[in-house]
Amino acid sequence: EILEVHGERLEGNLKQLKTIKVNVLKLEDIPFVRELPNVFSKDLLSLPPSCEVEFCIDLIPGAMPVTRPPYHLEPTKMQELSNQLK
C-alpha cells in the first residue's frame, strides 16, 4: 500500500497542516504498474533486508604492487611532460 498525504500549510506554523486528504493506494492503482504486470512481482513487495558483506583481498607475501603508467607516451613527449612538471 502507498499512503499519499495532501494538505495546505498554515502561514505561521509550518509543522501543522490546515486540511488533510489521505489516499491509500494499492500497487494496482498506479497506471505504470498496471501497464507492466510482468515486471513487478507480487512476491516482492519490499526491498530485501540489509545485510553485511565480508570482503577481503588476499595478499601474496613478497608480491610488489603493479606500477604501470596509466597511458603510454613517446619518450620525447614524456621528457617534455617531466620538464613541465618540475
N, C-alpha and C. Protein backbone atom coordinates (compact mmCIF):
# COMPACT_ATOMS: atom_id res chain seq x y z
N GLU A 1 0.82 -1.19 0.00
CA GLU A 1 0.00 0.00 0.00
C GLU A 1 0.87 1.25 0.00
N ILE A 2 0.38 2.28 -0.63
CA ILE A 2 1.07 3.56 -0.69
C ILE A 2 0.17 4.61 -0.07
N LEU A 3 0.71 5.41 0.83
CA LEU A 3 -0.05 6.44 1.51
C LEU A 3 0.33 7.79 0.94
N GLU A 4 -0.65 8.50 0.39
CA GLU A 4 -0.43 9.85 -0.11
C GLU A 4 -1.12 10.83 0.82
N VAL A 5 -0.42 11.88 1.22
CA VAL A 5 -0.99 12.90 2.08
C VAL A 5 -0.90 14.23 1.35
N HIS A 6 -2.04 14.91 1.20
CA HIS A 6 -2.10 16.22 0.56
C HIS A 6 -2.67 17.20 1.57
N GLY A 7 -2.15 18.40 1.61
CA GLY A 7 -2.70 19.38 2.55
C GLY A 7 -2.19 20.77 2.26
N GLU A 8 -2.73 21.75 2.99
CA GLU A 8 -2.31 23.13 2.87
C GLU A 8 -1.62 23.52 4.17
N ARG A 9 -0.52 24.21 4.07
CA ARG A 9 0.21 24.63 5.26
C ARG A 9 -0.34 25.95 5.80
N LEU A 10 -0.36 26.06 7.10
CA LEU A 10 -0.68 27.35 7.71
C LEU A 10 0.49 28.29 7.51
N GLU A 11 0.22 29.57 7.41
CA GLU A 11 1.30 30.51 7.15
C GLU A 11 2.24 30.67 8.34
N GLY A 12 1.73 30.61 9.56
CA GLY A 12 2.57 30.85 10.73
C GLY A 12 3.37 29.64 11.16
N ASN A 13 2.74 28.49 11.26
CA ASN A 13 3.38 27.30 11.80
C ASN A 13 3.49 26.25 10.69
N LEU A 14 4.71 25.95 10.29
CA LEU A 14 4.91 25.01 9.19
C LEU A 14 4.81 23.55 9.63
N LYS A 15 4.64 23.30 10.93
CA LYS A 15 4.58 21.92 11.41
C LYS A 15 3.17 21.35 11.34
N GLN A 16 2.16 22.20 11.15
CA GLN A 16 0.78 21.73 11.13
C GLN A 16 0.19 21.87 9.74
N LEU A 17 -0.75 21.00 9.44
CA LEU A 17 -1.47 21.07 8.17
C LEU A 17 -2.86 21.62 8.43
N LYS A 18 -3.34 22.48 7.55
CA LYS A 18 -4.66 23.09 7.70
C LYS A 18 -5.75 22.08 7.32
N THR A 19 -5.64 21.49 6.15
CA THR A 19 -6.58 20.47 5.72
C THR A 19 -5.78 19.26 5.27
N ILE A 20 -6.33 18.10 5.51
CA ILE A 20 -5.62 16.87 5.16
C ILE A 20 -6.54 15.97 4.34
N LYS A 21 -6.01 15.47 3.25
CA LYS A 21 -6.70 14.49 2.44
C LYS A 21 -5.75 13.30 2.30
N VAL A 22 -6.19 12.13 2.68
CA VAL A 22 -5.34 10.95 2.66
C VAL A 22 -5.91 9.94 1.67
N ASN A 23 -5.06 9.49 0.77
CA ASN A 23 -5.43 8.44 -0.18
C ASN A 23 -4.52 7.25 0.06
N VAL A 24 -5.10 6.09 0.27
CA VAL A 24 -4.31 4.87 0.39
C VAL A 24 -4.42 4.15 -0.95
N LEU A 25 -3.29 4.00 -1.62
CA LEU A 25 -3.27 3.38 -2.94
C LEU A 25 -2.66 1.99 -2.86
N LYS A 26 -3.15 1.12 -3.71
CA LYS A 26 -2.53 -0.19 -3.87
C LYS A 26 -1.64 -0.11 -5.10
N LEU A 27 -0.72 -1.05 -5.22
CA LEU A 27 0.17 -1.04 -6.38
C LEU A 27 -0.61 -1.11 -7.69
N GLU A 28 -1.71 -1.83 -7.68
CA GLU A 28 -2.51 -1.97 -8.90
C GLU A 28 -3.15 -0.65 -9.31
N ASP A 29 -3.27 0.32 -8.40
CA ASP A 29 -3.87 1.61 -8.71
C ASP A 29 -2.92 2.52 -9.49
N ILE A 30 -1.65 2.19 -9.54
CA ILE A 30 -0.67 3.02 -10.22
C ILE A 30 -0.65 2.60 -11.70
N PRO A 31 -0.92 3.55 -12.62
CA PRO A 31 -1.01 3.18 -14.05
C PRO A 31 0.24 2.50 -14.58
N PHE A 32 1.40 2.97 -14.19
CA PHE A 32 2.65 2.38 -14.69
C PHE A 32 2.77 0.92 -14.28
N VAL A 33 2.37 0.59 -13.07
CA VAL A 33 2.44 -0.79 -12.59
C VAL A 33 1.43 -1.65 -13.33
N ARG A 34 0.26 -1.09 -13.60
CA ARG A 34 -0.77 -1.83 -14.33
C ARG A 34 -0.32 -2.17 -15.75
N GLU A 35 0.42 -1.26 -16.39
CA GLU A 35 0.86 -1.48 -17.76
C GLU A 35 1.94 -2.55 -17.86
N LEU A 36 2.71 -2.73 -16.81
CA LEU A 36 3.82 -3.69 -16.83
C LEU A 36 3.65 -4.74 -15.73
N PRO A 37 2.63 -5.57 -15.81
CA PRO A 37 2.38 -6.51 -14.71
C PRO A 37 3.46 -7.57 -14.56
N ASN A 38 4.14 -7.93 -15.63
CA ASN A 38 5.14 -8.99 -15.53
C ASN A 38 6.45 -8.50 -14.93
N VAL A 39 6.67 -7.20 -14.90
CA VAL A 39 7.91 -6.66 -14.37
C VAL A 39 7.87 -6.62 -12.85
N PHE A 40 6.72 -6.29 -12.29
CA PHE A 40 6.59 -6.15 -10.85
C PHE A 40 6.01 -7.44 -10.27
N SER A 41 6.84 -8.18 -9.58
CA SER A 41 6.41 -9.45 -9.00
C SER A 41 5.53 -9.21 -7.79
N LYS A 42 4.52 -10.04 -7.63
CA LYS A 42 3.64 -9.92 -6.47
C LYS A 42 4.32 -10.44 -5.20
N ASP A 43 5.35 -11.28 -5.36
CA ASP A 43 6.05 -11.83 -4.21
C ASP A 43 7.00 -10.81 -3.59
N LEU A 44 7.51 -9.88 -4.37
CA LEU A 44 8.48 -8.91 -3.89
C LEU A 44 7.79 -7.58 -3.65
N LEU A 45 7.36 -7.35 -2.43
CA LEU A 45 6.65 -6.12 -2.12
C LEU A 45 7.54 -5.09 -1.44
N SER A 46 8.76 -5.46 -1.09
CA SER A 46 9.65 -4.51 -0.44
C SER A 46 11.09 -4.84 -0.81
N LEU A 47 12.00 -4.00 -0.36
CA LEU A 47 13.42 -4.24 -0.59
C LEU A 47 13.90 -5.39 0.28
N PRO A 48 14.92 -6.10 -0.14
CA PRO A 48 15.45 -7.17 0.71
C PRO A 48 16.08 -6.58 1.96
N PRO A 49 16.14 -7.35 3.04
CA PRO A 49 16.75 -6.82 4.27
C PRO A 49 18.23 -6.53 4.05
N SER A 50 18.70 -5.49 4.69
CA SER A 50 20.12 -5.15 4.54
C SER A 50 20.97 -6.17 5.30
N CYS A 51 22.11 -6.49 4.74
CA CYS A 51 23.00 -7.44 5.39
C CYS A 51 24.44 -7.02 5.12
N GLU A 52 25.32 -7.45 5.98
CA GLU A 52 26.73 -7.13 5.83
C GLU A 52 27.38 -8.12 4.87
N VAL A 53 28.32 -7.63 4.10
CA VAL A 53 29.06 -8.47 3.17
C VAL A 53 30.53 -8.42 3.57
N GLU A 54 31.10 -9.57 3.80
CA GLU A 54 32.52 -9.61 4.14
C GLU A 54 33.32 -9.61 2.84
N PHE A 55 34.33 -8.76 2.80
CA PHE A 55 35.14 -8.63 1.61
C PHE A 55 36.58 -8.48 2.03
N CYS A 56 37.46 -9.23 1.41
CA CYS A 56 38.88 -9.05 1.69
C CYS A 56 39.67 -9.43 0.44
N ILE A 57 40.84 -8.85 0.34
CA ILE A 57 41.75 -9.17 -0.76
C ILE A 57 42.92 -9.92 -0.15
N ASP A 58 43.13 -11.13 -0.62
CA ASP A 58 44.23 -11.93 -0.11
C ASP A 58 45.54 -11.40 -0.69
N LEU A 59 46.47 -11.06 0.19
CA LEU A 59 47.77 -10.56 -0.24
C LEU A 59 48.76 -11.70 -0.34
N ILE A 60 49.62 -11.63 -1.33
CA ILE A 60 50.65 -12.64 -1.51
C ILE A 60 51.94 -12.09 -0.91
N PRO A 61 52.54 -12.80 0.06
CA PRO A 61 53.76 -12.30 0.69
C PRO A 61 54.86 -12.08 -0.35
N GLY A 62 55.50 -10.92 -0.28
CA GLY A 62 56.60 -10.60 -1.18
C GLY A 62 56.18 -10.05 -2.53
N ALA A 63 54.90 -10.02 -2.82
CA ALA A 63 54.45 -9.51 -4.12
C ALA A 63 54.53 -7.99 -4.12
N MET A 64 54.94 -7.44 -5.26
CA MET A 64 55.06 -5.99 -5.41
C MET A 64 53.79 -5.45 -6.07
N PRO A 65 53.40 -4.24 -5.71
CA PRO A 65 52.23 -3.65 -6.37
C PRO A 65 52.54 -3.36 -7.84
N VAL A 66 51.54 -3.40 -8.65
CA VAL A 66 51.70 -3.14 -10.08
C VAL A 66 51.91 -1.65 -10.27
N THR A 67 53.03 -1.29 -10.88
CA THR A 67 53.32 0.12 -11.14
C THR A 67 53.49 0.31 -12.63
N ARG A 68 52.42 0.69 -13.26
CA ARG A 68 52.45 0.96 -14.70
C ARG A 68 51.85 2.33 -14.93
N PRO A 69 52.38 3.06 -15.88
CA PRO A 69 51.76 4.36 -16.18
C PRO A 69 50.36 4.15 -16.74
N PRO A 70 49.45 5.07 -16.45
CA PRO A 70 48.08 4.89 -16.93
C PRO A 70 47.96 5.00 -18.45
N TYR A 71 48.95 5.63 -19.09
CA TYR A 71 48.95 5.73 -20.54
C TYR A 71 50.39 5.80 -21.01
N HIS A 72 50.61 5.46 -22.25
CA HIS A 72 51.97 5.45 -22.80
C HIS A 72 52.21 6.71 -23.62
N LEU A 73 53.36 7.32 -23.43
CA LEU A 73 53.77 8.48 -24.22
C LEU A 73 55.06 8.16 -24.95
N GLU A 74 55.26 8.86 -26.03
CA GLU A 74 56.54 8.74 -26.72
C GLU A 74 57.62 9.28 -25.79
N PRO A 75 58.83 8.75 -25.87
CA PRO A 75 59.90 9.21 -24.95
C PRO A 75 60.12 10.72 -25.00
N THR A 76 60.01 11.34 -26.18
CA THR A 76 60.23 12.79 -26.25
C THR A 76 59.10 13.55 -25.55
N LYS A 77 57.88 13.08 -25.71
CA LYS A 77 56.75 13.75 -25.04
C LYS A 77 56.79 13.50 -23.54
N MET A 78 57.24 12.31 -23.13
CA MET A 78 57.37 12.02 -21.71
C MET A 78 58.41 12.94 -21.08
N GLN A 79 59.52 13.17 -21.79
CA GLN A 79 60.56 14.07 -21.29
C GLN A 79 60.03 15.49 -21.19
N GLU A 80 59.26 15.92 -22.18
CA GLU A 80 58.68 17.26 -22.16
C GLU A 80 57.71 17.41 -20.99
N LEU A 81 56.88 16.41 -20.76
CA LEU A 81 55.95 16.43 -19.63
C LEU A 81 56.70 16.46 -18.32
N SER A 82 57.75 15.67 -18.22
CA SER A 82 58.56 15.64 -17.00
C SER A 82 59.18 17.00 -16.73
N ASN A 83 59.66 17.67 -17.78
CA ASN A 83 60.24 19.01 -17.62
C ASN A 83 59.19 20.02 -17.19
N GLN A 84 57.97 19.91 -17.71
CA GLN A 84 56.90 20.84 -17.35
C GLN A 84 56.47 20.66 -15.89
N LEU A 85 56.53 19.44 -15.40
CA LEU A 85 56.10 19.16 -14.04
C LEU A 85 57.13 19.56 -13.00
N LYS A 86 58.36 19.82 -13.42
CA LYS A 86 59.42 20.20 -12.47
C LYS A 86 59.25 21.58 -11.99
